[in-house]
Amino acid sequence: MLQFRNNAAAALAIALPSDSGDPAYGTCTVVADGSQLTFGGDFPQLGTLTHASMPGQYEIVRLLSRSDAVFVCERSLENTVPLDWPVGTKLEARVTAGMLERFPQIEAGFMDAKDGARFAMKGYPSIMLNTTQMLSGSTSFNRNGQTPSVVGVSPFVDLGVPPTWAAGNYRHGDVVAPSTPDGAQYWHCTNSDMSVYVGAEPEFAGPGVNVPIDPADESLGFMVAMATPLDFLVRFSGVRLVVEEVGFIARSVTAGDVPSVSIGSDLDAGAPNPTRYANNVALSQAAGDNHVHRIPIALGGQVIDTLKFKLETAATGGKFAGRFYWRGFFIQPE
């Protein structure tokens, strides 16, 4: 997570060297007390360095902490190069490309994002086994009124006993429990097809708070919190969904039995039906890694804009990790 300030700017009171071996390399000292860029809490703020004598040159830094007029900073972010910045260099809280790529984009009512593994999932024509997907380019309906079936998946969850975090290599989607229980399980959002080594336990903060895998290097990704016991919603913005099938895709199973789940629906938070598609159903068809439990839906009734997933009884003796999925088609509301 980052912090932001409107029109925040300051000027360097001491030159900033480009030599990483210089003791001043990671210190931005500004004129006055630095209050223009004051921030609180544990989250950093990005800053951009520029100087009138160096047209076209800039460097993006991460401001990690502040003591009066002195900021501890991380240099050369977003593929910028560390430069020798003279006294008077501007340090400004500008918008950066990397900053914008963190955020979802809303297009015709659908959520989308570049490299969209960081955000909640919506429908997509096909499911990739181990990576997060976003709806992209499927908001157009041709003049014959046709639209393809859509398939979507939930965040990664463990319906059994998630392994307690330990130092090691983790893949995108691996689910762990913190060594000190805090009411949440966490899945690794690495934005990488490769495993990531994590040597120190992240600073888990409980339900609703996603934390960096490594606070010193946010490029490694984030730990996404899922409140436990698992009971969560997936909402669709600007569309209605007709559900044809729901189920669970097991990614990694070591549990000795299977969990039971309920899957339901809602419309505008006004017609809850938490067991509409599955009422305390045991996921017996998912007997191992990469197995799937399918629940075809034959009933009609009200179209929905929200799906509800609830773990009724957890599997025991090991993990039962994967993602819920749904299949159906969208109806564009009037």
C-alpha atoms as a PDB file:
ATOM      1  CA  MET A   1       0.000   0.000   0.000  1.00  0.00           C
ATOM      2  CA  LEU A   2       1.018   3.594  -0.624  1.00  0.00           C
ATOM      3  CA  GLN A   3       0.044   6.942   0.794  1.00  0.00           C
ATOM      4  CA  PHE A   4      -0.814   9.996  -1.276  1.00  0.00           C
ATOM      5  CA  ARG A   5      -0.802  13.775  -0.851  1.00  0.00           C
ATOM      6  CA  ASN A   6      -2.215  16.490  -3.129  1.00  0.00           C
ATOM      7  CA  ASN A   7       0.347  18.928  -4.556  1.00  0.00           C
ATOM      8  CA  ALA A   8       3.020  17.800  -2.094  1.00  0.00           C
ATOM      9  CA  ALA A   9       6.477  19.132  -2.936  1.00  0.00           C
ATOM     10  CA  ALA A  10       9.740  20.149  -1.311  1.00  0.00           C
ATOM     11  CA  ALA A  11      13.282  21.044  -2.378  1.00  0.00           C
ATOM     12  CA  LEU A  12      16.516  19.299  -1.453  1.00  0.00           C
ATOM     13  CA  ALA A  13      18.634  21.207   1.040  1.00  0.00           C
ATOM     14  CA  ILE A  14      21.566  18.801   0.626  1.00  0.00           C
ATOM     15  CA  ALA A  15      22.777  17.244  -2.618  1.00  0.00           C
ATOM     16  CA  LEU A  16      21.806  13.605  -3.199  1.00  0.00           C
ATOM     17  CA  PRO A  17      24.609  11.406  -4.593  1.00  0.00           C
ATOM     18  CA  SER A  18      24.245   8.658  -7.176  1.00  0.00           C
ATOM     19  CA  ASP A  19      26.881   6.427  -5.539  1.00  0.00           C
ATOM     20  CA  SER A  20      25.096   3.721  -3.544  1.00  0.00           C
ATOM     21  CA  GLY A  21      28.189   3.438  -1.354  1.00  0.00           C
ATOM     22  CA  ASP A  22      27.865   7.030  -0.170  1.00  0.00           C
ATOM     23  CA  PRO A  23      26.287   7.275   3.328  1.00  0.00           C
ATOM     24  CA  ALA A  24      23.942   9.985   2.024  1.00  0.00           C
ATOM     25  CA  TYR A  25      22.679   7.850  -0.874  1.00  0.00           C
ATOM     26  CA  GLY A  26      19.434   6.858   0.843  1.00  0.00           C
ATOM     27  CA  THR A  27      18.681  10.158   2.594  1.00  0.00           C
ATOM     28  CA  CYS A  28      16.634  13.027   1.169  1.00  0.00           C
ATOM     29  CA  THR A  29      17.082  16.188   3.265  1.00  0.00           C
ATOM     30  CA  VAL A  30      14.662  18.931   2.315  1.00  0.00           C
ATOM     31  CA  VAL A  31      14.305  22.637   3.010  1.00  0.00           C
ATOM     32  CA  ALA A  32      12.284  23.562   6.146  1.00  0.00           C
ATOM     33  CA  ASP A  33      10.807  20.664   8.084  1.00  0.00           C
ATOM     34  CA  GLY A  34       9.501  18.399   5.351  1.00  0.00           C
ATOM     35  CA  SER A  35       5.905  18.897   6.461  1.00  0.00           C
ATOM     36  CA  GLN A  36       4.804  19.327   2.836  1.00  0.00           C
ATOM     37  CA  LEU A  37       5.391  15.601   2.423  1.00  0.00           C
ATOM     38  CA  THR A  38       4.377  14.493   5.903  1.00  0.00           C
ATOM     39  CA  PHE A  39       2.807  11.080   6.074  1.00  0.00           C
ATOM     40  CA  GLY A  40       1.776   8.838   8.950  1.00  0.00           C
ATOM     41  CA  GLY A  41       1.412   5.144   9.649  1.00  0.00           C
ATOM     42  CA  ASP A  42       3.506   2.373   8.196  1.00  0.00           C
ATOM     43  CA  PHE A  43       2.956   2.900   4.472  1.00  0.00           C
ATOM     44  CA  PRO A  44       5.407   4.739   2.186  1.00  0.00           C
ATOM     45  CA  GLN A  45       4.860   7.520  -0.313  1.00  0.00           C
ATOM     46  CA  LEU A  46       6.391   7.820  -3.765  1.00  0.00           C
ATOM     47  CA  GLY A  47       8.320  10.915  -4.805  1.00  0.00           C
ATOM     48  CA  THR A  48       9.795  12.140  -8.098  1.00  0.00           C
ATOM     49  CA  LEU A  49      13.106  14.020  -8.286  1.00  0.00           C
ATOM     50  CA  THR A  50      13.658  16.651 -11.019  1.00  0.00           C
ATOM     51  CA  HIS A  51      15.857  19.720 -11.528  1.00  0.00           C
ATOM     52  CA  ALA A  52      15.661  22.561 -14.042  1.00  0.00           C
ATOM     53  CA  SER A  53      19.315  22.108 -14.991  1.00  0.00           C
ATOM     54  CA  MET A  54      18.643  18.453 -15.982  1.00  0.00           C
ATOM     55  CA  PRO A  55      15.770  18.620 -18.504  1.00  0.00           C
ATOM     56  CA  GLY A  56      14.114  15.296 -19.231  1.00  0.00           C
ATOM     57  CA  GLN A  57      15.840  13.602 -16.286  1.00  0.00           C
ATOM     58  CA  TYR A  58      13.918  12.247 -13.322  1.00  0.00           C
ATOM     59  CA  GLU A  59      14.168   9.598 -10.636  1.00  0.00           C
ATOM     60  CA  ILE A  60      11.388   7.941  -8.672  1.00  0.00           C
ATOM     61  CA  VAL A  61      12.030   7.206  -4.998  1.00  0.00           C
ATOM     62  CA  ARG A  62      10.047   5.660  -2.168  1.00  0.00           C
ATOM     63  CA  LEU A  63       9.887   7.722   1.031  1.00  0.00           C
ATOM     64  CA  LEU A  64      10.002   5.190   3.839  1.00  0.00           C
ATOM     65  CA  SER A  65      10.162   7.339   6.971  1.00  0.00           C
ATOM     66  CA  ARG A  66      10.636  10.967   8.078  1.00  0.00           C
ATOM     67  CA  SER A  67      12.383  12.745  10.924  1.00  0.00           C
ATOM     68  CA  ASP A  68      11.858  16.509  10.652  1.00  0.00           C
ATOM     69  CA  ALA A  69      13.440  17.475   7.318  1.00  0.00           C
ATOM     70  CA  VAL A  70      15.141  14.127   6.667  1.00  0.00           C
ATOM     71  CA  PHE A  71      13.512  11.308   4.729  1.00  0.00           C
ATOM     72  CA  VAL A  72      14.860   7.786   4.462  1.00  0.00           C
ATOM     73  CA  CYS A  73      14.282   6.834   0.839  1.00  0.00           C
ATOM     74  CA  GLU A  74      14.615   3.906  -1.541  1.00  0.00           C
ATOM     75  CA  ARG A  75      16.209   5.000  -4.803  1.00  0.00           C
ATOM     76  CA  SER A  76      15.725   4.311  -8.532  1.00  0.00           C
ATOM     77  CA  LEU A  77      12.237   2.807  -8.585  1.00  0.00           C
ATOM     78  CA  GLU A  78      10.293   1.905 -11.737  1.00  0.00           C
ATOM     79  CA  ASN A  79      13.428   1.412 -13.848  1.00  0.00           C
ATOM     80  CA  THR A  80      14.711   4.940 -13.217  1.00  0.00           C
ATOM     81  CA  VAL A  81      18.455   5.476 -12.737  1.00  0.00           C
ATOM     82  CA  PRO A  82      20.017   7.044  -9.612  1.00  0.00           C
ATOM     83  CA  LEU A  83      21.503  10.429 -10.503  1.00  0.00           C
ATOM     84  CA  ASP A  84      23.531  13.121  -8.721  1.00  0.00           C
ATOM     85  CA  TRP A  85      20.843  15.569  -7.640  1.00  0.00           C
ATOM     86  CA  PRO A  86      22.023  19.083  -6.652  1.00  0.00           C
ATOM     87  CA  VAL A  87      20.711  21.350  -3.916  1.00  0.00           C
ATOM     88  CA  GLY A  88      17.336  22.784  -4.955  1.00  0.00           C
ATOM     89  CA  THR A  89      16.159  19.612  -6.686  1.00  0.00           C
ATOM     90  CA  LYS A  90      12.370  19.261  -6.505  1.00  0.00           C
ATOM     91  CA  LEU A  91      10.961  16.280  -4.613  1.00  0.00           C
ATOM     92  CA  GLU A  92       7.315  16.003  -5.639  1.00  0.00           C
ATOM     93  CA  ALA A  93       4.493  13.543  -4.991  1.00  0.00           C
ATOM     94  CA  ARG A  94       3.661  12.906  -8.636  1.00  0.00           C
ATOM     95  CA  VAL A  95       1.547  10.192 -10.195  1.00  0.00           C
ATOM     96  CA  THR A  96       3.734   7.440 -11.709  1.00  0.00           C
ATOM     97  CA  ALA A  97       3.047   4.661 -14.200  1.00  0.00           C
ATOM     98  CA  GLY A  98       3.778   2.011 -11.583  1.00  0.00           C
ATOM     99  CA  MET A  99       1.339   3.652  -9.202  1.00  0.00           C
ATOM    100  CA  LEU A 100      -1.467   3.619 -11.762  1.00  0.00           C
ATOM    101  CA  GLU A 101      -0.820  -0.008 -12.670  1.00  0.00           C
ATOM    102  CA  ARG A 102      -1.714  -0.951  -9.091  1.00  0.00           C
ATOM    103  CA  PHE A 103      -5.262   0.276  -9.501  1.00  0.00           C
ATOM    104  CA  PRO A 104      -8.265  -1.371 -11.161  1.00  0.00           C
ATOM    105  CA  GLN A 105      -9.853   0.332 -14.121  1.00  0.00           C
ATOM    106  CA  ILE A 106     -13.591   0.475 -14.646  1.00  0.00           C
ATOM    107  CA  GLU A 107     -14.660   0.046 -18.265  1.00  0.00           C
ATOM    108  CA  ALA A 108     -18.382  -0.085 -19.080  1.00  0.00           C
ATOM    109  CA  GLY A 109     -19.103  -1.332 -15.602  1.00  0.00           C
ATOM    110  CA  PHE A 110     -16.516  -4.108 -15.536  1.00  0.00           C
ATOM    111  CA  MET A 111     -13.369  -4.208 -13.472  1.00  0.00           C
ATOM    112  CA  ASP A 112     -10.120  -4.611 -15.349  1.00  0.00           C
ATOM    113  CA  ALA A 113      -6.445  -4.123 -14.542  1.00  0.00           C
ATOM    114  CA  LYS A 114      -3.092  -4.397 -16.231  1.00  0.00           C
ATOM    115  CA  ASP A 115      -1.354  -7.575 -15.035  1.00  0.00           C
ATOM    116  CA  GLY A 116      -4.545  -7.931 -13.049  1.00  0.00           C
ATOM    117  CA  ALA A 117      -3.477 -10.409 -10.368  1.00  0.00           C
ATOM    118  CA  ARG A 118      -3.799  -7.883  -7.573  1.00  0.00           C
ATOM    119  CA  PHE A 119      -7.546  -7.379  -7.605  1.00  0.00           C
ATOM    120  CA  ALA A 120     -10.795  -9.274  -7.101  1.00  0.00           C
ATOM    121  CA  MET A 121     -11.772 -11.361 -10.078  1.00  0.00           C
ATOM    122  CA  LYS A 122     -14.731 -11.019 -12.398  1.00  0.00           C
ATOM    123  CA  GLY A 123     -15.952 -13.188 -15.244  1.00  0.00           C
ATOM    124  CA  TYR A 124     -13.676 -14.309 -18.066  1.00  0.00           C
ATOM    125  CA  PRO A 125     -14.256 -16.617 -21.046  1.00  0.00           C
ATOM    126  CA  SER A 126     -11.745 -19.195 -19.776  1.00  0.00           C
ATOM    127  CA  ILE A 127      -9.932 -20.060 -16.537  1.00  0.00           C
ATOM    128  CA  MET A 128      -6.168 -20.283 -16.145  1.00  0.00           C
ATOM    129  CA  LEU A 129      -5.150 -22.856 -13.558  1.00  0.00           C
ATOM    130  CA  ASN A 130      -2.716 -20.891 -11.405  1.00  0.00           C
ATOM    131  CA  THR A 131      -3.065 -17.207 -12.228  1.00  0.00           C
ATOM    132  CA  THR A 132      -5.639 -14.551 -11.498  1.00  0.00           C
ATOM    133  CA  GLN A 133      -7.767 -13.328 -14.365  1.00  0.00           C
ATOM    134  CA  MET A 134      -9.754 -10.228 -15.124  1.00  0.00           C
ATOM    135  CA  LEU A 135     -12.613  -9.554 -17.487  1.00  0.00           C
ATOM    136  CA  SER A 136     -11.045  -7.821 -20.485  1.00  0.00           C
ATOM    137  CA  GLY A 137     -12.647  -6.778 -23.703  1.00  0.00           C
ATOM    138  CA  SER A 138     -15.841  -8.750 -23.115  1.00  0.00           C
ATOM    139  CA  THR A 139     -18.144  -5.820 -22.526  1.00  0.00           C
ATOM    140  CA  SER A 140     -19.197  -5.502 -26.159  1.00  0.00           C
ATOM    141  CA  PHE A 141     -22.378  -7.153 -27.386  1.00  0.00           C
ATOM    142  CA  ASN A 142     -22.930  -7.553 -31.108  1.00  0.00           C
ATOM    143  CA  ARG A 143     -26.049  -6.375 -32.836  1.00  0.00           C
ATOM    144  CA  ASN A 144     -27.592  -9.830 -32.881  1.00  0.00           C
ATOM    145  CA  GLY A 145     -27.735  -9.750 -29.094  1.00  0.00           C
ATOM    146  CA  GLN A 146     -25.267 -12.601 -28.658  1.00  0.00           C
ATOM    147  CA  THR A 147     -22.751 -12.843 -25.871  1.00  0.00           C
ATOM    148  CA  PRO A 148     -20.292 -15.617 -24.925  1.00  0.00           C
ATOM    149  CA  SER A 149     -20.500 -17.644 -21.771  1.00  0.00           C
ATOM    150  CA  VAL A 150     -18.374 -16.224 -18.995  1.00  0.00           C
ATOM    151  CA  VAL A 151     -16.357 -18.080 -16.407  1.00  0.00           C
ATOM    152  CA  GLY A 152     -14.968 -16.483 -13.272  1.00  0.00           C
ATOM    153  CA  VAL A 153     -13.004 -17.492 -10.229  1.00  0.00           C
ATOM    154  CA  SER A 154     -12.766 -16.311  -6.640  1.00  0.00           C
ATOM    155  CA  PRO A 155      -9.617 -15.335  -4.773  1.00  0.00           C
ATOM    156  CA  PHE A 156      -7.456 -18.249  -3.631  1.00  0.00           C
ATOM    157  CA  VAL A 157      -8.712 -19.893  -0.439  1.00  0.00           C
ATOM    158  CA  ASP A 158      -7.920 -22.925   1.708  1.00  0.00           C
ATOM    159  CA  LEU A 159     -11.021 -24.849   2.805  1.00  0.00           C
ATOM    160  CA  GLY A 160      -8.957 -27.121   5.061  1.00  0.00           C
ATOM    161  CA  VAL A 161      -6.090 -26.310   7.392  1.00  0.00           C
ATOM    162  CA  PRO A 162      -3.760 -23.784   5.748  1.00  0.00           C
ATOM    163  CA  PRO A 163      -0.086 -24.428   6.488  1.00  0.00           C
ATOM    164  CA  THR A 164       1.452 -22.062   9.007  1.00  0.00           C
ATOM    165  CA  TRP A 165       3.785 -19.565   7.379  1.00  0.00           C
ATOM    166  CA  ALA A 166       7.436 -20.643   7.249  1.00  0.00           C
ATOM    167  CA  ALA A 167      10.424 -19.304   5.348  1.00  0.00           C
ATOM    168  CA  GLY A 168      10.659 -20.783   1.860  1.00  0.00           C
ATOM    169  CA  ASN A 169       9.623 -20.504  -1.780  1.00  0.00           C
ATOM    170  CA  TYR A 170       6.035 -19.537  -2.534  1.00  0.00           C
ATOM    171  CA  ARG A 171       4.048 -19.475  -5.757  1.00  0.00           C
ATOM    172  CA  HIS A 172       1.331 -17.055  -6.727  1.00  0.00           C
ATOM    173  CA  GLY A 173      -1.835 -18.291  -5.005  1.00  0.00           C
ATOM    174  CA  ASP A 174      -0.220 -20.285  -2.178  1.00  0.00           C
ATOM    175  CA  VAL A 175      -2.320 -19.883   0.975  1.00  0.00           C
ATOM    176  CA  VAL A 176      -0.875 -19.721   4.489  1.00  0.00           C
ATOM    177  CA  ALA A 177      -1.957 -18.944   8.029  1.00  0.00           C
ATOM    178  CA  PRO A 178       0.088 -16.517  10.149  1.00  0.00           C
ATOM    179  CA  SER A 179       2.128 -18.008  12.973  1.00  0.00           C
ATOM    180  CA  THR A 180      -0.001 -15.928  15.355  1.00  0.00           C
ATOM    181  CA  PRO A 181      -3.675 -16.380  14.391  1.00  0.00           C
ATOM    182  CA  ASP A 182      -5.344 -13.078  13.539  1.00  0.00           C
ATOM    183  CA  GLY A 183      -8.698 -14.062  12.043  1.00  0.00           C
ATOM    184  CA  ALA A 184      -7.490 -14.341   8.457  1.00  0.00           C
ATOM    185  CA  GLN A 185      -5.718 -16.608   5.993  1.00  0.00           C
ATOM    186  CA  TYR A 186      -3.512 -15.080   3.308  1.00  0.00           C
ATOM    187  CA  TRP A 187      -2.741 -15.915  -0.301  1.00  0.00           C
ATOM    188  CA  HIS A 188       0.422 -14.832  -2.079  1.00  0.00           C
ATOM    189  CA  CYS A 189      -0.154 -12.326  -4.876  1.00  0.00           C
ATOM    190  CA  THR A 190       3.291 -12.385  -6.503  1.00  0.00           C
ATOM    191  CA  ASN A 191       2.379 -11.293 -10.059  1.00  0.00           C
ATOM    192  CA  SER A 192       4.992 -13.793 -11.198  1.00  0.00           C
ATOM    193  CA  ASP A 193       5.001 -17.195 -12.845  1.00  0.00           C
ATOM    194  CA  MET A 194       8.068 -18.081 -10.788  1.00  0.00           C
ATOM    195  CA  SER A 195       8.219 -18.928  -7.100  1.00  0.00           C
ATOM    196  CA  VAL A 196       9.366 -16.191  -4.719  1.00  0.00           C
ATOM    197  CA  TYR A 197      11.601 -16.845  -1.739  1.00  0.00           C
ATOM    198  CA  VAL A 198      10.344 -15.260   1.471  1.00  0.00           C
ATOM    199  CA  GLY A 199      12.753 -15.350   4.395  1.00  0.00           C
ATOM    200  CA  ALA A 200      10.935 -13.280   7.024  1.00  0.00           C
ATOM    201  CA  GLU A 201       7.290 -13.537   8.029  1.00  0.00           C
ATOM    202  CA  PRO A 202       5.232 -10.644   6.605  1.00  0.00           C
ATOM    203  CA  GLU A 203       3.703  -8.206   9.044  1.00  0.00           C
ATOM    204  CA  PHE A 204       0.225  -9.723   8.978  1.00  0.00           C
ATOM    205  CA  ALA A 205      -2.455  -7.268  10.080  1.00  0.00           C
ATOM    206  CA  GLY A 206      -5.725  -9.220  10.114  1.00  0.00           C
ATOM    207  CA  PRO A 207      -8.894  -9.217   7.971  1.00  0.00           C
ATOM    208  CA  GLY A 208      -9.216  -6.467   5.409  1.00  0.00           C
ATOM    209  CA  VAL A 209      -5.536  -5.539   5.361  1.00  0.00           C
ATOM    210  CA  ASN A 210      -3.306  -6.720   2.512  1.00  0.00           C
ATOM    211  CA  VAL A 211       0.364  -6.491   3.435  1.00  0.00           C
ATOM    212  CA  PRO A 212       3.605  -6.602   1.409  1.00  0.00           C
ATOM    213  CA  ILE A 213       5.249 -10.008   1.112  1.00  0.00           C
ATOM    214  CA  ASP A 214       8.468  -8.134   1.907  1.00  0.00           C
ATOM    215  CA  PRO A 215       8.074  -4.541   3.208  1.00  0.00           C
ATOM    216  CA  ALA A 216      11.542  -3.737   1.843  1.00  0.00           C
ATOM    217  CA  ASP A 217      10.598  -4.792  -1.705  1.00  0.00           C
ATOM    218  CA  GLU A 218       6.940  -4.314  -2.641  1.00  0.00           C
ATOM    219  CA  SER A 219       7.689  -5.502  -6.169  1.00  0.00           C
ATOM    220  CA  LEU A 220       7.513  -9.056  -4.790  1.00  0.00           C
ATOM    221  CA  GLY A 221       3.777  -8.590  -4.303  1.00  0.00           C
ATOM    222  CA  PHE A 222       1.299  -8.709  -1.465  1.00  0.00           C
ATOM    223  CA  MET A 223      -0.342 -11.099   0.969  1.00  0.00           C
ATOM    224  CA  VAL A 224      -4.096 -10.864   0.381  1.00  0.00           C
ATOM    225  CA  ALA A 225      -6.176 -11.329   3.529  1.00  0.00           C
ATOM    226  CA  MET A 226      -9.290 -13.524   3.532  1.00  0.00           C
ATOM    227  CA  ALA A 227     -11.259 -13.303   6.774  1.00  0.00           C
ATOM    228  CA  THR A 228     -11.936 -16.610   8.504  1.00  0.00           C
ATOM    229  CA  PRO A 229     -14.218 -18.478   8.863  1.00  0.00           C
ATOM    230  CA  LEU A 230     -14.490 -18.060   5.099  1.00  0.00           C
ATOM    231  CA  ASP A 231     -17.711 -16.277   4.157  1.00  0.00           C
ATOM    232  CA  PHE A 232     -17.332 -13.735   1.358  1.00  0.00           C
ATOM    233  CA  LEU A 233     -19.028 -12.047  -1.581  1.00  0.00           C
ATOM    234  CA  VAL A 234     -18.045 -11.498  -5.214  1.00  0.00           C
ATOM    235  CA  ARG A 235     -19.882  -8.576  -6.776  1.00  0.00           C
ATOM    236  CA  PHE A 236     -20.487  -7.687 -10.425  1.00  0.00           C
ATOM    237  CA  SER A 237     -20.581  -4.008 -11.343  1.00  0.00           C
ATOM    238  CA  GLY A 238     -22.991  -2.798 -13.983  1.00  0.00           C
ATOM    239  CA  VAL A 239     -24.239  -6.232 -15.098  1.00  0.00           C
ATOM    240  CA  ARG A 240     -26.519  -9.067 -14.046  1.00  0.00           C
ATOM    241  CA  LEU A 241     -25.464 -12.697 -14.128  1.00  0.00           C
ATOM    242  CA  VAL A 242     -27.430 -15.819 -15.024  1.00  0.00           C
ATOM    243  CA  VAL A 243     -25.639 -18.705 -13.297  1.00  0.00           C
ATOM    244  CA  GLU A 244     -25.392 -22.041 -15.116  1.00  0.00           C
ATOM    245  CA  GLU A 245     -22.789 -23.764 -12.937  1.00  0.00           C
ATOM    246  CA  VAL A 246     -20.763 -23.224  -9.778  1.00  0.00           C
ATOM    247  CA  GLY A 247     -18.102 -25.301  -8.068  1.00  0.00           C
ATOM    248  CA  PHE A 248     -14.581 -25.504  -6.737  1.00  0.00           C
ATOM    249  CA  ILE A 249     -11.259 -26.145  -8.480  1.00  0.00           C
ATOM    250  CA  ALA A 250      -8.837 -27.796  -6.068  1.00  0.00           C
ATOM    251  CA  ARG A 251      -5.253 -26.752  -6.550  1.00  0.00           C
ATOM    252  CA  SER A 252      -3.522 -28.594  -3.695  1.00  0.00           C
ATOM    253  CA  VAL A 253      -5.131 -31.198  -1.437  1.00  0.00           C
ATOM    254  CA  THR A 254      -3.534 -32.987   1.529  1.00  0.00           C
ATOM    255  CA  ALA A 255      -6.592 -33.130   3.814  1.00  0.00           C
ATOM    256  CA  GLY A 256      -7.976 -36.486   4.880  1.00  0.00           C
ATOM    257  CA  ASP A 257     -11.596 -35.532   4.147  1.00  0.00           C
ATOM    258  CA  VAL A 258     -13.516 -32.932   2.157  1.00  0.00           C
ATOM    259  CA  PRO A 259     -15.084 -29.627   3.174  1.00  0.00           C
ATOM    260  CA  SER A 260     -18.738 -28.637   2.887  1.00  0.00           C
ATOM    261  CA  VAL A 261     -19.775 -25.312   1.389  1.00  0.00           C
ATOM    262  CA  SER A 262     -22.809 -23.202   0.608  1.00  0.00           C
ATOM    263  CA  ILE A 263     -23.040 -20.979  -2.464  1.00  0.00           C
ATOM    264  CA  GLY A 264     -25.765 -18.394  -2.848  1.00  0.00           C
ATOM    265  CA  SER A 265     -26.853 -15.206  -4.524  1.00  0.00           C
ATOM    266  CA  ASP A 266     -28.033 -11.666  -3.968  1.00  0.00           C
ATOM    267  CA  LEU A 267     -29.364  -8.764  -5.983  1.00  0.00           C
ATOM    268  CA  ASP A 268     -28.634  -5.207  -4.894  1.00  0.00           C
ATOM    269  CA  ALA A 269     -28.258  -6.502  -1.329  1.00  0.00           C
ATOM    270  CA  GLY A 270     -32.054  -6.750  -1.253  1.00  0.00           C
ATOM    271  CA  ALA A 271     -32.812 -10.403  -1.951  1.00  0.00           C
ATOM    272  CA  PRO A 272     -30.260 -12.588  -0.150  1.00  0.00           C
ATOM    273  CA  ASN A 273     -30.404 -16.321  -0.795  1.00  0.00           C
ATOM    274  CA  PRO A 274     -27.153 -17.718   0.685  1.00  0.00           C
ATOM    275  CA  THR A 275     -27.871 -21.363  -0.250  1.00  0.00           C
ATOM    276  CA  ARG A 276     -29.499 -20.880  -3.646  1.00  0.00           C
ATOM    277  CA  TYR A 277     -26.936 -22.909  -5.625  1.00  0.00           C
ATOM    278  CA  ALA A 278     -25.439 -25.158  -2.951  1.00  0.00           C
ATOM    279  CA  ASN A 279     -26.704 -25.884   0.558  1.00  0.00           C
ATOM    280  CA  ASN A 280     -23.982 -27.393   2.752  1.00  0.00           C
ATOM    281  CA  VAL A 281     -22.634 -29.508  -0.127  1.00  0.00           C
ATOM    282  CA  ALA A 282     -19.616 -31.756   0.470  1.00  0.00           C
ATOM    283  CA  LEU A 283     -16.980 -31.250  -2.251  1.00  0.00           C
ATOM    284  CA  SER A 284     -16.550 -34.985  -2.732  1.00  0.00           C
ATOM    285  CA  GLN A 285     -15.737 -34.768  -6.474  1.00  0.00           C
ATOM    286  CA  ALA A 286     -12.504 -32.879  -5.702  1.00  0.00           C
ATOM    287  CA  ALA A 287     -10.447 -35.775  -4.387  1.00  0.00           C
ATOM    288  CA  GLY A 288      -6.948 -34.464  -5.135  1.00  0.00           C
ATOM    289  CA  ASP A 289      -4.776 -31.849  -6.790  1.00  0.00           C
ATOM    290  CA  ASN A 290      -6.349 -30.253  -9.886  1.00  0.00           C
ATOM    291  CA  HIS A 291      -9.677 -31.967  -9.330  1.00  0.00           C
ATOM    292  CA  VAL A 292     -12.951 -30.101  -9.709  1.00  0.00           C
ATOM    293  CA  HIS A 293     -16.334 -30.344  -8.009  1.00  0.00           C
ATOM    294  CA  ARG A 294     -19.101 -29.254 -10.385  1.00  0.00           C
ATOM    295  CA  ILE A 295     -22.610 -28.147  -9.413  1.00  0.00           C
ATOM    296  CA  PRO A 296     -24.777 -27.605 -12.522  1.00  0.00           C
ATOM    297  CA  ILE A 297     -27.633 -25.148 -11.954  1.00  0.00           C
ATOM    298  CA  ALA A 298     -31.002 -26.012 -13.470  1.00  0.00           C
ATOM    299  CA  LEU A 299     -33.185 -23.512 -11.640  1.00  0.00           C
ATOM    300  CA  GLY A 300     -34.262 -20.141 -12.972  1.00  0.00           C
ATOM    301  CA  GLY A 301     -35.460 -17.146 -11.046  1.00  0.00           C
ATOM    302  CA  GLN A 302     -33.970 -13.785 -10.302  1.00  0.00           C
ATOM    303  CA  VAL A 303     -30.776 -12.713 -12.058  1.00  0.00           C
ATOM    304  CA  ILE A 304     -28.050 -11.605  -9.663  1.00  0.00           C
ATOM    305  CA  ASP A 305     -25.237  -9.125  -9.182  1.00  0.00           C
ATOM    306  CA  THR A 306     -23.583 -10.843  -6.223  1.00  0.00           C
ATOM    307  CA  LEU A 307     -22.391 -14.366  -5.453  1.00  0.00           C
ATOM    308  CA  LYS A 308     -21.873 -15.558  -1.875  1.00  0.00           C
ATOM    309  CA  PHE A 309     -19.412 -18.301  -0.892  1.00  0.00           C
ATOM    310  CA  LYS A 310     -19.354 -19.799   2.620  1.00  0.00           C
ATOM    311  CA  LEU A 311     -17.325 -22.591   4.171  1.00  0.00           C
ATOM    312  CA  GLU A 312     -19.727 -24.605   6.329  1.00  0.00           C
ATOM    313  CA  THR A 313     -17.376 -27.372   7.541  1.00  0.00           C
ATOM    314  CA  ALA A 314     -13.620 -27.260   6.953  1.00  0.00           C
ATOM    315  CA  ALA A 315     -11.622 -30.264   5.761  1.00  0.00           C
ATOM    316  CA  THR A 316      -9.316 -31.683   8.429  1.00  0.00           C
ATOM    317  CA  GLY A 317      -5.804 -33.045   8.521  1.00  0.00           C
ATOM    318  CA  GLY A 318      -4.311 -30.819   5.829  1.00  0.00           C
ATOM    319  CA  LYS A 319      -4.949 -28.219   3.178  1.00  0.00           C
ATOM    320  CA  PHE A 320      -7.757 -28.088   0.630  1.00  0.00           C
ATOM    321  CA  ALA A 321      -6.646 -25.093  -1.411  1.00  0.00           C
ATOM    322  CA  GLY A 322      -8.018 -23.702  -4.638  1.00  0.00           C
ATOM    323  CA  ARG A 323     -10.705 -21.373  -5.956  1.00  0.00           C
ATOM    324  CA  PHE A 324     -14.447 -21.292  -6.327  1.00  0.00           C
ATOM    325  CA  TYR A 325     -15.669 -20.765  -9.872  1.00  0.00           C
ATOM    326  CA  TRP A 326     -18.878 -19.927 -11.673  1.00  0.00           C
ATOM    327  CA  ARG A 327     -20.097 -20.159 -15.259  1.00  0.00           C
ATOM    328  CA  GLY A 328     -23.021 -18.403 -16.923  1.00  0.00           C
ATOM    329  CA  PHE A 329     -23.784 -15.369 -19.028  1.00  0.00           C
ATOM    330  CA  PHE A 330     -24.157 -11.680 -18.380  1.00  0.00           C
ATOM    331  CA  ILE A 331     -27.259  -9.598 -18.972  1.00  0.00           C
ATOM    332  CA  GLN A 332     -26.687  -5.902 -19.537  1.00  0.00           C
ATOM    333  CA  PRO A 333     -29.173  -4.040 -17.293  1.00  0.00           C
ATOM    334  CA  GLU A 334     -31.295  -1.246 -18.689  1.00  0.00           C
END
